[in-house]
Amino acid sequence: MNFDADHAVAPNLPIQTNSLNMGYYWKDNALVFDPNHANESGRYLGSLICYAILFKLSPEKLKYQPKEVPADFAAYLRSVAAKQ
C-alpha cells in the first residue's frame, strides 16, 4: 500500500527502509520531512567513506555495524564506500 502524505494519520509513517536521511516523522501532531540530517545508516556510510579516504583501506572488511542498520544493508554500504 502506498503512503499518502496528504492524508496521513499519526503515528503512521511511510516505509523508510534503507533510507540515509531522517525522513518522515511526527512532531506536534504534524507530519514532518527532514531530508537534511543523516539517520544511523547515513552516518554509518559517512564514517565508512571517511575511513576509506583517511586510511586508504577498503571498509568492506570492517566488522562493526550499528545495531539499527540491518546486516545486509550494512554490507551494501561498505561495498559502496569501498568504491569511492
Protein backbone atom coordinates (compact mmCIF):
# COMPACT_ATOMS: atom_id res chain seq x y z
CA MET A 1 0.00 0.00 0.00
CA ASN A 2 1.33 3.46 -0.89
CA PHE A 3 1.68 6.12 1.75
CA ASP A 4 -0.35 9.29 1.15
CA ALA A 5 1.39 12.16 2.96
CA ASP A 6 -1.55 14.49 2.26
CA HIS A 7 -3.90 12.24 4.23
CA ALA A 8 -1.52 10.77 6.80
CA VAL A 9 -2.75 9.84 10.27
CA ALA A 10 -0.42 9.75 13.27
CA PRO A 11 1.51 7.63 14.08
CA ASN A 12 1.60 6.03 10.61
CA LEU A 13 4.74 6.61 8.55
CA PRO A 14 5.86 5.52 5.09
CA ILE A 15 8.28 2.64 4.77
CA GLN A 16 11.74 4.19 5.09
CA THR A 17 13.86 1.06 4.90
CA ASN A 18 17.34 1.74 3.52
CA SER A 19 16.89 5.48 3.74
CA LEU A 20 20.00 7.53 4.51
CA ASN A 21 18.26 10.60 5.93
CA MET A 22 15.94 11.15 8.86
CA GLY A 23 12.94 11.18 6.55
CA TYR A 24 9.38 11.45 7.82
CA TYR A 25 8.43 11.76 11.49
CA TRP A 26 5.61 13.22 13.55
CA LYS A 27 6.11 16.44 15.55
CA ASP A 28 3.29 18.24 17.36
CA ASN A 29 0.71 16.13 15.51
CA ALA A 30 2.11 17.21 12.12
CA LEU A 31 3.93 15.05 9.59
CA VAL A 32 7.41 16.48 9.04
CA PHE A 33 10.06 15.52 6.46
CA ASP A 34 13.75 16.02 7.23
CA PRO A 35 15.91 15.48 4.12
CA ASN A 36 18.95 17.26 5.59
CA HIS A 37 20.06 15.14 8.52
CA ALA A 38 21.52 11.66 8.27
CA ASN A 39 19.96 8.76 10.11
CA GLU A 40 22.04 5.90 11.55
CA SER A 41 22.60 4.38 8.09
CA GLY A 42 23.63 7.72 6.61
CA ARG A 43 26.07 8.39 9.45
CA TYR A 44 27.47 4.88 9.05
CA LEU A 45 28.02 5.42 5.31
CA GLY A 46 29.73 8.75 6.01
CA SER A 47 32.07 7.13 8.51
CA LEU A 48 32.88 4.32 6.08
CA ILE A 49 33.79 6.82 3.37
CA CYS A 50 35.98 8.79 5.80
CA TYR A 51 37.69 5.54 6.86
CA ALA A 52 38.40 4.61 3.23
CA ILE A 53 39.80 8.04 2.40
CA LEU A 54 41.83 8.59 5.56
CA PHE A 55 43.35 5.13 5.85
CA LYS A 56 43.34 4.23 2.14
CA LEU A 57 41.83 0.86 3.11
CA SER A 58 38.67 -0.85 2.00
CA PRO A 59 35.90 -0.67 4.62
CA GLU A 60 34.48 -3.97 3.33
CA LYS A 61 36.46 -5.93 5.93
CA LEU A 62 35.27 -3.88 8.90
CA LYS A 63 33.20 -5.87 11.39
CA TYR A 64 31.43 -3.02 13.21
CA GLN A 65 27.90 -2.16 12.21
CA PRO A 66 25.35 -0.09 14.13
CA LYS A 67 22.59 -2.21 15.65
CA GLU A 68 20.00 -0.03 13.86
CA VAL A 69 21.42 -0.94 10.42
CA PRO A 70 20.43 -4.37 9.06
CA ALA A 71 23.38 -6.65 8.26
CA ASP A 72 22.63 -6.90 4.54
CA PHE A 73 22.27 -3.13 4.16
CA ALA A 74 25.45 -2.54 6.21
CA ALA A 75 27.35 -4.87 3.85
CA TYR A 76 25.96 -2.95 0.88
CA LEU A 77 27.03 0.39 2.40
CA ARG A 78 30.55 -0.99 2.99
CA SER A 79 30.74 -2.03 -0.67
CA VAL A 80 29.55 1.41 -1.80
CA ALA A 81 32.13 3.17 0.39
CA ALA A 82 34.85 0.90 -0.96
CA LYS A 83 34.21 2.26 -4.46
CA GLN A 84 34.95 5.88 -3.56
